[in-house]
PDB file of N, CA and C in Angstrom:
ATOM      1  N   UNK A   1      48.248-231.806 113.948  1.00  0.00           N
ATOM      2  CA  UNK A   1      46.957-231.571 114.805  1.00  0.00           C
ATOM      3  C   UNK A   1      46.818-232.630 115.582  1.00  0.00           C
ATOM      4  N   UNK A   2      46.702-232.206 116.549  1.00  0.00           N
ATOM      5  CA  UNK A   2      46.175-232.988 117.897  1.00  0.00           C
ATOM      6  C   UNK A   2      44.985-233.068 117.543  1.00  0.00           C
ATOM      7  N   UNK A   3      44.316-231.965 117.906  1.00  0.00           N
ATOM      8  CA  UNK A   3      42.816-231.841 117.708  1.00  0.00           C
ATOM      9  C   UNK A   3      42.313-230.997 117.070  1.00  0.00           C
ATOM     10  N   UNK A   4      41.090-231.541 116.378  1.00  0.00           N
ATOM     11  CA  UNK A   4      40.803-229.981 115.830  1.00  0.00           C
ATOM     12  C   UNK A   4      39.056-229.277 116.238  1.00  0.00           C
ATOM     13  N   UNK A   5      39.563-228.432 116.588  1.00  0.00           N
ATOM     14  CA  UNK A   5      37.942-228.008 116.950  1.00  0.00           C
ATOM     15  C   UNK A   5      36.979-227.006 116.336  1.00  0.00           C
ATOM     16  N   UNK A   6      37.136-226.174 114.952  1.00  0.00           N
ATOM     17  CA  UNK A   6      36.180-225.919 114.569  1.00  0.00           C
ATOM     18  C   UNK A   6      37.020-226.194 113.326  1.00  0.00           C
ATOM     19  N   UNK A   7      36.384-226.526 111.873  1.00  0.00           N
ATOM     20  CA  UNK A   7      36.145-226.541 110.624  1.00  0.00           C
ATOM     21  C   UNK A   7      35.040-225.092 109.945  1.00  0.00           C
ATOM     22  N   UNK A   8      35.442-224.114 108.477  1.00  0.00           N
ATOM     23  CA  UNK A   8      34.842-223.708 108.150  1.00  0.00           C
ATOM     24  C   UNK A   8      35.515-224.158 106.674  1.00  0.00           C
ATOM     25  N   UNK A   9      34.139-224.337 105.566  1.00  0.00           N
ATOM     26  CA  UNK A   9      34.034-224.182 103.964  1.00  0.00           C
ATOM     27  C   UNK A   9      33.936-222.505 103.356  1.00  0.00           C
ATOM     28  N   UNK A  10      34.839-222.332 102.366  1.00  0.00           N
ATOM     29  CA  UNK A  10      34.786-221.323 102.159  1.00  0.00           C
ATOM     30  C   UNK A  10      34.719-221.706 100.829  1.00  0.00           C
ATOM     31  N   UNK A  11      34.465-220.492  99.258  1.00  0.00           N
ATOM     32  CA  UNK A  11      34.722-220.677  98.320  1.00  0.00           C
ATOM     33  C   UNK A  11      34.760-219.087  97.164  1.00  0.00           C
ATOM     34  N   UNK A  12      35.781-219.452  96.509  1.00  0.00           N
ATOM     35  CA  UNK A  12      36.310-218.223  96.130  1.00  0.00           C
ATOM     36  C   UNK A  12      36.464-217.874  94.580  1.00  0.00           C
ATOM     37  N   UNK A  13      35.482-216.956  93.562  1.00  0.00           N
ATOM     38  CA  UNK A  13      35.883-217.189  92.491  1.00  0.00           C
ATOM     39  C   UNK A  13      36.994-215.985  91.741  1.00  0.00           C
ATOM     40  N   UNK A  14      37.554-216.581  91.391  1.00  0.00           N
ATOM     41  CA  UNK A  14      38.537-215.149  90.186  1.00  0.00           C
ATOM     42  C   UNK A  14      37.598-214.638  88.791  1.00  0.00           C
ATOM     43  N   UNK A  15      37.023-213.839  88.959  1.00  0.00           N
ATOM     44  CA  UNK A  15      36.319-213.971  87.123  1.00  0.00           C
ATOM     45  C   UNK A  15      36.799-214.099  85.702  1.00  0.00           C
ATOM     46  N   UNK A  16      37.666-212.698  86.697  1.00  0.00           N
ATOM     47  CA  UNK A  16      38.719-212.660  85.202  1.00  0.00           C
ATOM     48  C   UNK A  16      40.214-211.730  85.369  1.00  0.00           C
ATOM     49  N   UNK A  17      40.969-212.163  84.942  1.00  0.00           N
ATOM     50  CA  UNK A  17      42.366-212.792  85.220  1.00  0.00           C
ATOM     51  C   UNK A  17      43.363-213.694  85.452  1.00  0.00           C
ATOM     52  N   UNK A  18      42.346-214.233  85.476  1.00  0.00           N
ATOM     53  CA  UNK A  18      43.016-216.161  86.741  1.00  0.00           C
ATOM     54  C   UNK A  18      43.865-215.871  86.971  1.00  0.00           C
ATOM     55  N   UNK A  19      44.051-215.229  88.144  1.00  0.00           N
ATOM     56  CA  UNK A  19      44.215-215.666  89.333  1.00  0.00           C
ATOM     57  C   UNK A  19      44.099-216.286  90.069  1.00  0.00           C
ATOM     58  N   UNK A  20      44.933-217.866  90.553  1.00  0.00           N
ATOM     59  CA  UNK A  20      44.610-218.358  91.330  1.00  0.00           C
ATOM     60  C   UNK A  20      44.400-218.080  92.558  1.00  0.00           C
ATOM     61  N   UNK A  21      46.402-216.843  93.048  1.00  0.00           N
ATOM     62  CA  UNK A  21      45.693-216.119  94.318  1.00  0.00           C
ATOM     63  C   UNK A  21      43.960-216.233  94.653  1.00  0.00           C
ATOM     64  N   UNK A  22      43.439-215.017  93.820  1.00  0.00           N
ATOM     65  CA  UNK A  22      42.445-214.431  94.671  1.00  0.00           C
ATOM     66  C   UNK A  22      41.173-214.843  94.741  1.00  0.00           C
ATOM     67  N   UNK A  23      41.479-216.443  93.596  1.00  0.00           N
ATOM     68  CA  UNK A  23      39.748-216.952  93.850  1.00  0.00           C
ATOM     69  C   UNK A  23      40.590-217.733  95.862  1.00  0.00           C
ATOM     70  N   UNK A  24      41.680-218.395  95.750  1.00  0.00           N
ATOM     71  CA  UNK A  24      41.703-218.671  97.351  1.00  0.00           C
ATOM     72  C   UNK A  24      41.724-217.591  98.156  1.00  0.00           C
ATOM     73  N   UNK A  25      42.104-216.809  98.011  1.00  0.00           N
ATOM     74  CA  UNK A  25      41.934-215.648  99.103  1.00  0.00           C
ATOM     75  C   UNK A  25      40.797-215.010  99.045  1.00  0.00           C
ATOM     76  N   UNK A  26      39.973-215.026  98.234  1.00  0.00           N
ATOM     77  CA  UNK A  26      38.545-215.012  98.864  1.00  0.00           C
ATOM     78  C   UNK A  26      37.695-216.123  99.500  1.00  0.00           C
ATOM     79  N   UNK A  27      38.520-217.474  98.282  1.00  0.00           N
ATOM     80  CA  UNK A  27      37.866-219.012  99.700  1.00  0.00           C
ATOM     81  C   UNK A  27      37.828-218.914 101.063  1.00  0.00           C
ATOM     82  N   UNK A  28      39.574-218.294 101.428  1.00  0.00           N
ATOM     83  CA  UNK A  28      39.200-218.197 102.328  1.00  0.00           C
ATOM     84  C   UNK A  28      39.138-217.552 103.471  1.00  0.00           C
ATOM     85  N   UNK A  29      39.118-215.967 103.229  1.00  0.00           N
ATOM     86  CA  UNK A  29      37.946-215.017 103.746  1.00  0.00           C
ATOM     87  C   UNK A  29      36.536-215.559 104.053  1.00  0.00           C
ATOM     88  N   UNK A  30      35.980-216.503 102.553  1.00  0.00           N
ATOM     89  CA  UNK A  30      34.602-216.626 102.430  1.00  0.00           C
ATOM     90  C   UNK A  30      34.050-217.303 103.858  1.00  0.00           C
ATOM     91  N   UNK A  31      35.495-218.492 103.997  1.00  0.00           N
ATOM     92  CA  UNK A  31      35.280-219.388 104.861  1.00  0.00           C
ATOM     93  C   UNK A  31      35.491-218.408 106.094  1.00  0.00           C
ATOM     94  N   UNK A  32      36.325-217.887 106.705  1.00  0.00           N
ATOM     95  CA  UNK A  32      36.521-217.340 107.728  1.00  0.00           C
ATOM     96  C   UNK A  32      35.551-215.600 108.278  1.00  0.00           C
ATOM     97  N   UNK A  33      35.754-215.418 107.331  1.00  0.00           N
ATOM     98  CA  UNK A  33      34.569-213.910 106.945  1.00  0.00           C
ATOM     99  C   UNK A  33      33.790-214.174 107.893  1.00  0.00           C
ATOM    100  N   UNK A  34      32.787-214.737 108.088  1.00  0.00           N
ATOM    101  CA  UNK A  34      31.772-214.842 109.306  1.00  0.00           C
ATOM    102  C   UNK A  34      31.490-215.577 110.365  1.00  0.00           C
ATOM    103  N   UNK A  35      33.336-215.597 110.450  1.00  0.00           N
ATOM    104  CA  UNK A  35      32.679-216.926 112.121  1.00  0.00           C
ATOM    105  C   UNK A  35      34.009-215.502 113.101  1.00  0.00           C
ATOM    106  N   UNK A  36      32.846-216.135 114.609  1.00  0.00           N
ATOM    107  CA  UNK A  36      33.853-215.955 115.713  1.00  0.00           C
ATOM    108  C   UNK A  36      34.159-216.871 116.344  1.00  0.00           C
ATOM    109  N   UNK A  37      35.088-216.618 117.189  1.00  0.00           N
ATOM    110  CA  UNK A  37      35.185-218.066 118.257  1.00  0.00           C
ATOM    111  C   UNK A  37      35.419-217.600 119.502  1.00  0.00           C
ATOM    112  N   UNK A  38      35.474-216.336 120.181  1.00  0.00           N
ATOM    113  CA  UNK A  38      35.977-215.928 121.430  1.00  0.00           C
ATOM    114  C   UNK A  38      35.932-217.252 122.218  1.00  0.00           C
ATOM    115  N   UNK A  39      35.227-218.170 122.060  1.00  0.00           N
ATOM    116  CA  UNK A  39      35.725-219.304 123.422  1.00  0.00           C
ATOM    117  C   UNK A  39      36.773-220.077 122.814  1.00  0.00           C
ATOM    118  N   UNK A  40      37.627-220.255 122.016  1.00  0.00           N
ATOM    119  CA  UNK A  40      38.306-220.227 121.122  1.00  0.00           C
ATOM    120  C   UNK A  40      40.148-220.615 122.768  1.00  0.00           C
ATOM    121  N   UNK A  41      39.907-219.405 123.238  1.00  0.00           N
ATOM    122  CA  UNK A  41      41.590-219.662 124.682  1.00  0.00           C
ATOM    123  C   UNK A  41      40.800-220.498 124.822  1.00  0.00           C
ATOM    124  N   UNK A  42      39.584-220.879 125.780  1.00  0.00           N
ATOM    125  CA  UNK A  42      39.464-221.116 125.963  1.00  0.00           C
ATOM    126  C   UNK A  42      40.365-222.887 125.955  1.00  0.00           C
ATOM    127  N   UNK A  43      40.605-223.518 125.018  1.00  0.00           N
ATOM    128  CA  UNK A  43      40.116-224.460 124.063  1.00  0.00           C
ATOM    129  C   UNK A  43      41.657-224.760 123.586  1.00  0.00           C
ATOM    130  N   UNK A  44      42.150-224.049 123.774  1.00  0.00           N
ATOM    131  CA  UNK A  44      43.821-223.895 123.213  1.00  0.00           C
ATOM    132  C   UNK A  44      44.801-224.386 125.109  1.00  0.00           C
ATOM    133  N   UNK A  45      45.331-224.783 124.405  1.00  0.00           N
ATOM    134  CA  UNK A  45      46.739-225.365 125.384  1.00  0.00           C
ATOM    135  C   UNK A  45      47.092-224.119 125.778  1.00  0.00           C
ATOM    136  N   UNK A  46      47.059-224.388 127.882  1.00  0.00           N
ATOM    137  CA  UNK A  46      47.906-223.039 127.643  1.00  0.00           C
ATOM    138  C   UNK A  46      46.916-221.397 127.762  1.00  0.00           C
ATOM    139  N   UNK A  47      46.055-222.016 126.906  1.00  0.00           N
ATOM    140  CA  UNK A  47      45.024-221.139 127.014  1.00  0.00           C
ATOM    141  C   UNK A  47      46.109-219.854 126.420  1.00  0.00           C
ATOM    142  N   UNK A  48      46.645-220.169 125.678  1.00  0.00           N
ATOM    143  CA  UNK A  48      47.606-218.809 124.274  1.00  0.00           C
ATOM    144  C   UNK A  48      46.899-219.004 123.028  1.00  0.00           C
ATOM    145  N   UNK A  49      46.623-218.172 122.745  1.00  0.00           N
ATOM    146  CA  UNK A  49      46.583-218.203 120.488  1.00  0.00           C
ATOM    147  C   UNK A  49      48.323-218.961 119.865  1.00  0.00           C
ATOM    148  N   UNK A  50      48.990-218.092 121.225  1.00  0.00           N
ATOM    149  CA  UNK A  50      50.381-219.257 119.645  1.00  0.00           C
ATOM    150  C   UNK A  50      50.038-220.342 120.103  1.00  0.00           C
ATOM    151  N   UNK A  51      49.314-221.434 120.450  1.00  0.00           N
ATOM    152  CA  UNK A  51      49.258-222.944 120.421  1.00  0.00           C
ATOM    153  C   UNK A  51      48.207-223.049 119.757  1.00  0.00           C
ATOM    154  N   UNK A  52      47.755-222.671 118.826  1.00  0.00           N
ATOM    155  CA  UNK A  52      46.277-222.661 118.144  1.00  0.00           C
ATOM    156  C   UNK A  52      46.787-223.254 115.858  1.00  0.00           C
ATOM    157  N   UNK A  53      46.934-224.435 115.780  1.00  0.00           N
ATOM    158  CA  UNK A  53      46.874-224.929 115.010  1.00  0.00           C
ATOM    159  C   UNK A  53      45.817-225.002 113.210  1.00  0.00           C
ATOM    160  N   UNK A  54      46.936-223.739 112.283  1.00  0.00           N
ATOM    161  CA  UNK A  54      44.784-223.781 111.545  1.00  0.00           C
ATOM    162  C   UNK A  54      45.869-224.469 110.142  1.00  0.00           C
ATOM    163  N   UNK A  55      45.141-225.271 110.033  1.00  0.00           N
ATOM    164  CA  UNK A  55      45.849-225.628 108.182  1.00  0.00           C
ATOM    165  C   UNK A  55      44.672-225.306 107.372  1.00  0.00           C
ATOM    166  N   UNK A  56      44.981-225.194 106.712  1.00  0.00           N
ATOM    167  CA  UNK A  56      44.148-224.826 104.851  1.00  0.00           C
ATOM    168  C   UNK A  56      44.174-225.613 103.910  1.00  0.00           C
ATOM    169  N   UNK A  57      43.377-226.702 103.621  1.00  0.00           N
ATOM    170  CA  UNK A  57      43.126-227.148 102.509  1.00  0.00           C
ATOM    171  C   UNK A  57      42.635-226.719 101.541  1.00  0.00           C
ATOM    172  N   UNK A  58      42.867-225.653 100.195  1.00  0.00           N
ATOM    173  CA  UNK A  58      42.428-225.213  98.641  1.00  0.00           C
ATOM    174  C   UNK A  58      42.279-226.603  98.116  1.00  0.00           C
ATOM    175  N   UNK A  59      41.282-226.531  97.279  1.00  0.00           N
ATOM    176  CA  UNK A  59      41.384-227.485  95.979  1.00  0.00           C
ATOM    177  C   UNK A  59      41.307-226.290  94.417  1.00  0.00           C
ATOM    178  N   UNK A  60      42.744-226.038  93.787  1.00  0.00           N
ATOM    179  CA  UNK A  60      42.442-225.393  93.039  1.00  0.00           C
ATOM    180  C   UNK A  60      42.394-226.005  91.828  1.00  0.00           C
ATOM    181  N   UNK A  61      41.179-225.420  90.861  1.00  0.00           N
ATOM    182  CA  UNK A  61      41.509-226.112  89.573  1.00  0.00           C
ATOM    183  C   UNK A  61      42.974-226.060  88.322  1.00  0.00           C
ATOM    184  N   UNK A  62      43.769-225.172  88.596  1.00  0.00           N
ATOM    185  CA  UNK A  62      45.009-224.674  87.784  1.00  0.00           C
ATOM    186  C   UNK A  62      45.280-223.666  88.721  1.00  0.00           C
ATOM    187  N   UNK A  63      46.926-223.807  87.930  1.00  0.00           N
ATOM    188  CA  UNK A  63      48.251-223.482  87.931  1.00  0.00           C
ATOM    189  C   UNK A  63      48.085-223.451  89.656  1.00  0.00           C
ATOM    190  N   UNK A  64      48.365-224.311  90.022  1.00  0.00           N
ATOM    191  CA  UNK A  64      48.137-224.842  91.489  1.00  0.00           C
ATOM    192  C   UNK A  64      50.703-224.118  91.996  1.00  0.00           C
ATOM    193  N   UNK A  65      50.570-224.456  91.461  1.00  0.00           N
ATOM    194  CA  UNK A  65      52.592-224.044  91.261  1.00  0.00           C
ATOM    195  C   UNK A  65      52.401-221.973  91.308  1.00  0.00           C
ATOM    196  N   UNK A  66      51.033-221.746  91.322  1.00  0.00           N
ATOM    197  CA  UNK A  66      51.765-220.226  91.187  1.00  0.00           C
ATOM    198  C   UNK A  66      50.616-219.507  92.418  1.00  0.00           C
ATOM    199  N   UNK A  67      50.092-220.355  93.348  1.00  0.00           N
ATOM    200  CA  UNK A  67      50.030-219.834  94.900  1.00  0.00           C
ATOM    201  C   UNK A  67      50.103-219.731  95.339  1.00  0.00           C
ATOM    202  N   UNK A  68      50.803-217.762  96.600  1.00  0.00           N
ATOM    203  CA  UNK A  68      51.250-217.446  96.823  1.00  0.00           C
ATOM    204  C   UNK A  68      51.542-218.213  98.007  1.00  0.00           C
ATOM    205  N   UNK A  69      52.070-219.392  98.953  1.00  0.00           N
ATOM    206  CA  UNK A  69      51.538-220.218 100.419  1.00  0.00           C
ATOM    207  C   UNK A  69      51.538-218.886 101.113  1.00  0.00           C
ATOM    208  N   UNK A  70      52.661-218.059 101.117  1.00  0.00           N
ATOM    209  CA  UNK A  70      53.005-216.913 102.255  1.00  0.00           C
ATOM    210  C   UNK A  70      51.912-216.144 102.585  1.00  0.00           C
ATOM    211  N   UNK A  71      51.202-215.348 101.378  1.00  0.00           N
ATOM    212  CA  UNK A  71      50.264-214.688 100.993  1.00  0.00           C
ATOM    213  C   UNK A  71      48.855-214.828 101.881  1.00  0.00           C
ATOM    214  N   UNK A  72      48.828-216.532 100.640  1.00  0.00           N
ATOM    215  CA  UNK A  72      47.692-217.240 102.214  1.00  0.00           C
ATOM    216  C   UNK A  72      47.470-217.163 103.785  1.00  0.00           C
ATOM    217  N   UNK A  73      48.846-217.650 103.639  1.00  0.00           N
ATOM    218  CA  UNK A  73      49.327-217.604 105.451  1.00  0.00           C
ATOM    219  C   UNK A  73      48.801-216.915 106.547  1.00  0.00           C
ATOM    220  N   UNK A  74      49.188-215.616 105.417  1.00  0.00           N
ATOM    221  CA  UNK A  74      48.594-214.175 106.146  1.00  0.00           C
ATOM    222  C   UNK A  74      47.777-213.707 106.220  1.00  0.00           C
ATOM    223  N   UNK A  75      47.311-214.588 105.290  1.00  0.00           N
ATOM    224  CA  UNK A  75      45.439-213.917 105.939  1.00  0.00           C
ATOM    225  C   UNK A  75      44.293-215.087 107.014  1.00  0.00           C
ATOM    226  N   UNK A  76      45.816-215.582 107.747  1.00  0.00           N
ATOM    227  CA  UNK A  76      45.353-215.685 108.922  1.00  0.00           C
ATOM    228  C   UNK A  76      46.119-215.492 110.251  1.00  0.00           C
ATOM    229  N   UNK A  77      45.189-214.611 111.885  1.00  0.00           N
ATOM    230  CA  UNK A  77      46.743-213.746 112.148  1.00  0.00           C
ATOM    231  C   UNK A  77      47.296-214.441 112.969  1.00  0.00           C
ATOM    232  N   UNK A  78      46.342-215.755 113.320  1.00  0.00           N
ATOM    233  CA  UNK A  78      46.640-216.426 114.694  1.00  0.00           C
ATOM    234  C   UNK A  78      47.620-217.374 114.478  1.00  0.00           C
ATOM    235  N   UNK A  79      48.672-218.223 114.954  1.00  0.00           N
ATOM    236  CA  UNK A  79      48.861-219.604 115.494  1.00  0.00           C
ATOM    237  C   UNK A  79      49.594-219.806 114.189  1.00  0.00           C
ATOM    238  N   UNK A  80      49.933-221.422 114.093  1.00  0.00           N
ATOM    239  CA  UNK A  80      50.700-221.707 113.158  1.00  0.00           C
ATOM    240  C   UNK A  80      49.696-222.109 112.136  1.00  0.00           C
ATOM    241  N   UNK A  81      50.133-221.694 111.463  1.00  0.00           N
ATOM    242  CA  UNK A  81      49.484-221.837 109.655  1.00  0.00           C
ATOM    243  C   UNK A  81      50.600-222.983 109.049  1.00  0.00           C
ATOM    244  N   UNK A  82      49.168-223.442 108.161  1.00  0.00           N
ATOM    245  CA  UNK A  82      50.003-224.852 107.184  1.00  0.00           C
ATOM    246  C   UNK A  82      48.932-224.512 106.387  1.00  0.00           C
ATOM    247  N   UNK A  83      49.674-225.164 105.041  1.00  0.00           N
ATOM    248  CA  UNK A  83      48.573-224.176 103.479  1.00  0.00           C
ATOM    249  C   UNK A  83      49.362-226.372 103.204  1.00  0.00           C
ATOM    250  N   UNK A  84      47.575-226.684 102.188  1.00  0.00           N
ATOM    251  CA  UNK A  84      47.356-227.418 101.257  1.00  0.00           C
ATOM    252  C   UNK A  84      47.087-227.826 100.450  1.00  0.00           C
ATOM    253  N   UNK A  85      47.741-227.656  98.831  1.00  0.00           N
ATOM    254  CA  UNK A  85      46.771-227.409  98.038  1.00  0.00           C
ATOM    255  C   UNK A  85      46.157-229.633  97.244  1.00  0.00           C
ATOM    256  N   UNK A  86      45.293-229.612  97.025  1.00  0.00           N
ATOM    257  CA  UNK A  86      44.571-230.223  96.368  1.00  0.00           C
ATOM    258  C   UNK A  86      43.459-230.364  94.820  1.00  0.00           C
ATOM    259  N   UNK A  87      43.545-231.439  94.238  1.00  0.00           N
ATOM    260  CA  UNK A  87      43.152-230.931  92.742  1.00  0.00           C
ATOM    261  C   UNK A  87      41.534-230.770  92.774  1.00  0.00           C
ATOM    262  N   UNK A  88      40.992-229.892  92.172  1.00  0.00           N
ATOM    263  CA  UNK A  88      39.460-229.598  92.438  1.00  0.00           C
ATOM    264  C   UNK A  88      39.209-228.156  92.027  1.00  0.00           C
ATOM    265  N   UNK A  89      37.534-227.932  92.602  1.00  0.00           N
ATOM    266  CA  UNK A  89      37.551-226.487  92.379  1.00  0.00           C
ATOM    267  C   UNK A  89      37.054-226.142  90.709  1.00  0.00           C
ATOM    268  N   UNK A  90      37.278-225.821  90.195  1.00  0.00           N
ATOM    269  CA  UNK A  90      37.153-225.492  88.503  1.00  0.00           C
ATOM    270  C   UNK A  90      37.733-224.297  87.762  1.00  0.00           C
ATOM    271  N   UNK A  91      37.852-224.347  86.601  1.00  0.00           N
ATOM    272  CA  UNK A  91      37.761-223.267  85.564  1.00  0.00           C
ATOM    273  C   UNK A  91      37.131-223.390  84.334  1.00  0.00           C
ATOM    274  N   UNK A  92      36.437-222.370  84.186  1.00  0.00           N
ATOM    275  CA  UNK A  92      34.918-222.715  82.977  1.00  0.00           C
ATOM    276  C   UNK A  92      34.922-221.398  83.070  1.00  0.00           C
ATOM    277  N   UNK A  93      33.825-221.696  81.814  1.00  0.00           N
ATOM    278  CA  UNK A  93      33.870-220.218  81.052  1.00  0.00           C
ATOM    279  C   UNK A  93      33.305-218.559  81.717  1.00  0.00           C
ATOM    280  N   UNK A  94      33.633-217.319  81.443  1.00  0.00           N
ATOM    281  CA  UNK A  94      33.202-216.849  82.266  1.00  0.00           C
ATOM    282  C   UNK A  94      31.627-216.374  81.339  1.00  0.00           C
ATOM    283  N   UNK A  95      31.922-217.031  80.185  1.00  0.00           N
ATOM    284  CA  UNK A  95      31.161-215.923  78.835  1.00  0.00           C
ATOM    285  C   UNK A  95      31.200-215.072  78.313  1.00  0.00           C
ATOM    286  N   UNK A  96      32.408-214.470  79.246  1.00  0.00           N
ATOM    287  CA  UNK A  96      33.699-213.273  78.710  1.00  0.00           C
ATOM    288  C   UNK A  96      34.559-212.958  78.193  1.00  0.00           C
ATOM    289  N   UNK A  97      35.621-212.742  77.166  1.00  0.00           N
ATOM    290  CA  UNK A  97      36.852-212.140  77.103  1.00  0.00           C
ATOM    291  C   UNK A  97      37.148-210.548  77.562  1.00  0.00           C
ATOM    292  N   UNK A  98      37.577-210.306  78.720  1.00  0.00           N
ATOM    293  CA  UNK A  98      37.655-208.597  78.485  1.00  0.00           C
ATOM    294  C   UNK A  98      39.160-208.606  78.937  1.00  0.00           C
ATOM    295  N   UNK A  99      39.892-207.898  78.326  1.00  0.00           N
ATOM    296  CA  UNK A  99      40.757-207.688  78.237  1.00  0.00           C
ATOM    297  C   UNK A  99      41.342-206.338  79.350  1.00  0.00           C
ATOM    298  N   UNK A 100      40.412-205.595  78.859  1.00  0.00           N
ATOM    299  CA  UNK A 100      40.675-204.100  80.213  1.00  0.00           C
ATOM    300  C   UNK A 100      40.673-205.060  81.398  1.00  0.00           C
ATOM    301  N   UNK A 101      40.142-206.409  82.129  1.00  0.00           N
ATOM    302  CA  UNK A 101      40.122-207.264  82.844  1.00  0.00           C
ATOM    303  C   UNK A 101      41.617-207.688  83.432  1.00  0.00           C
ATOM    304  N   UNK A 102      42.986-208.191  81.876  1.00  0.00           N
ATOM    305  CA  UNK A 102      43.851-208.466  82.399  1.00  0.00           C
ATOM    306  C   UNK A 102      43.098-210.084  81.399  1.00  0.00           C
ATOM    307  N   UNK A 103      42.070-210.026  80.805  1.00  0.00           N
ATOM    308  CA  UNK A 103      42.217-211.615  80.664  1.00  0.00           C
ATOM    309  C   UNK A 103      43.033-212.551  79.723  1.00  0.00           C
ATOM    310  N   UNK A 104      43.365-213.091  80.139  1.00  0.00           N
ATOM    311  CA  UNK A 104      44.337-213.932  79.593  1.00  0.00           C
ATOM    312  C   UNK A 104      43.601-214.829  78.456  1.00  0.00           C
ATOM    313  N   UNK A 105      42.059-215.473  78.284  1.00  0.00           N
ATOM    314  CA  UNK A 105      41.270-216.734  78.374  1.00  0.00           C
ATOM    315  C   UNK A 105      40.042-216.070  78.436  1.00  0.00           C
ATOM    316  N   UNK A 106      38.579-216.741  78.867  1.00  0.00           N
ATOM    317  CA  UNK A 106      37.920-216.120  79.355  1.00  0.00           C
ATOM    318  C   UNK A 106      37.538-217.737  80.785  1.00  0.00           C
ATOM    319  N   UNK A 107      37.822-218.008  80.976  1.00  0.00           N
ATOM    320  CA  UNK A 107      38.078-218.414  82.188  1.00  0.00           C
ATOM    321  C   UNK A 107      37.745-217.952  83.372  1.00  0.00           C
ATOM    322  N   UNK A 108      37.207-218.333  84.200  1.00  0.00           N
ATOM    323  CA  UNK A 108      37.252-218.036  85.577  1.00  0.00           C
ATOM    324  C   UNK A 108      37.272-219.368  86.149  1.00  0.00           C
ATOM    325  N   UNK A 109      38.427-219.014  87.713  1.00  0.00           N
ATOM    326  CA  UNK A 109      38.913-219.764  88.183  1.00  0.00           C
ATOM    327  C   UNK A 109      37.768-220.234  89.699  1.00  0.00           C
ATOM    328  N   UNK A 110      37.789-220.614  89.824  1.00  0.00           N
ATOM    329  CA  UNK A 110      36.500-221.905  91.701  1.00  0.00           C
ATOM    330  C   UNK A 110      37.595-221.757  92.008  1.00  0.00           C
ATOM    331  N   UNK A 111      37.531-221.863  93.395  1.00  0.00           N
ATOM    332  CA  UNK A 111      38.461-222.441  94.291  1.00  0.00           C
ATOM    333  C   UNK A 111      37.840-222.859  96.116  1.00  0.00           C
ATOM    334  N   UNK A 112      38.046-224.159  95.972  1.00  0.00           N
ATOM    335  CA  UNK A 112      37.611-224.871  98.054  1.00  0.00           C
ATOM    336  C   UNK A 112      38.530-224.758  99.089  1.00  0.00           C
ATOM    337  N   UNK A 113      37.943-224.219  99.761  1.00  0.00           N
ATOM    338  CA  UNK A 113      38.679-223.929 101.353  1.00  0.00           C
ATOM    339  C   UNK A 113      38.050-224.171 102.201  1.00  0.00           C
ATOM    340  N   UNK A 114      38.883-225.286 102.816  1.00  0.00           N
ATOM    341  CA  UNK A 114      38.681-225.195 104.103  1.00  0.00           C
ATOM    342  C   UNK A 114      39.892-224.753 105.486  1.00  0.00           C
ATOM    343  N   UNK A 115      38.975-224.774 105.677  1.00  0.00           N
ATOM    344  CA  UNK A 115      40.181-224.022 107.121  1.00  0.00           C
ATOM    345  C   UNK A 115      39.945-224.861 108.411  1.00  0.00           C
ATOM    346  N   UNK A 116      41.453-226.051 108.826  1.00  0.00           N
ATOM    347  CA  UNK A 116      40.378-226.413 109.935  1.00  0.00           C
ATOM    348  C   UNK A 116      41.511-225.521 111.312  1.00  0.00           C
ATOM    349  N   UNK A 117      40.398-225.432 111.875  1.00  0.00           N
ATOM    350  CA  UNK A 117      41.385-224.820 113.558  1.00  0.00           C
ATOM    351  C   UNK A 117      41.177-226.237 114.479  1.00  0.00           C
ATOM    352  N   UNK A 118      42.695-226.011 114.972  1.00  0.00           N
ATOM    353  CA  UNK A 118      42.309-226.397 116.455  1.00  0.00           C
ATOM    354  C   UNK A 118      44.089-226.011 117.488  1.00  0.00           C
ATOM    355  N   UNK A 119      44.671-227.743 117.272  1.00  0.00           N
ATOM    356  CA  UNK A 119      45.984-227.589 118.176  1.00  0.00           C
ATOM    357  C   UNK A 119      47.067-228.409 118.141  1.00  0.00           C
TER     358      UNK A 119
END
């Protein structure tokens, strides 16, 4: 990315089911859900949303290999999207095991996300 215009940060938690994708999707939605960038076209080359670059950084505590990068990319509707992961986030006890919630154990997964928008 040549120029970063915006950086948005978010956090997502999967309390039950131990699904890293659920936590990652929630983190991204937390990062982008409360933002609007009405002037973004004016800042992009040729004022074209297709020239936007979006880089998603996810700090994941476990199961990085289970992360569905294509699903993550689909959450960002414009531009060319890349996804990278780093060790981080947290896997900690939820305090309860709920079999009816497809729990494998009592852990909850917490993922941190940073979404960089630029060109």
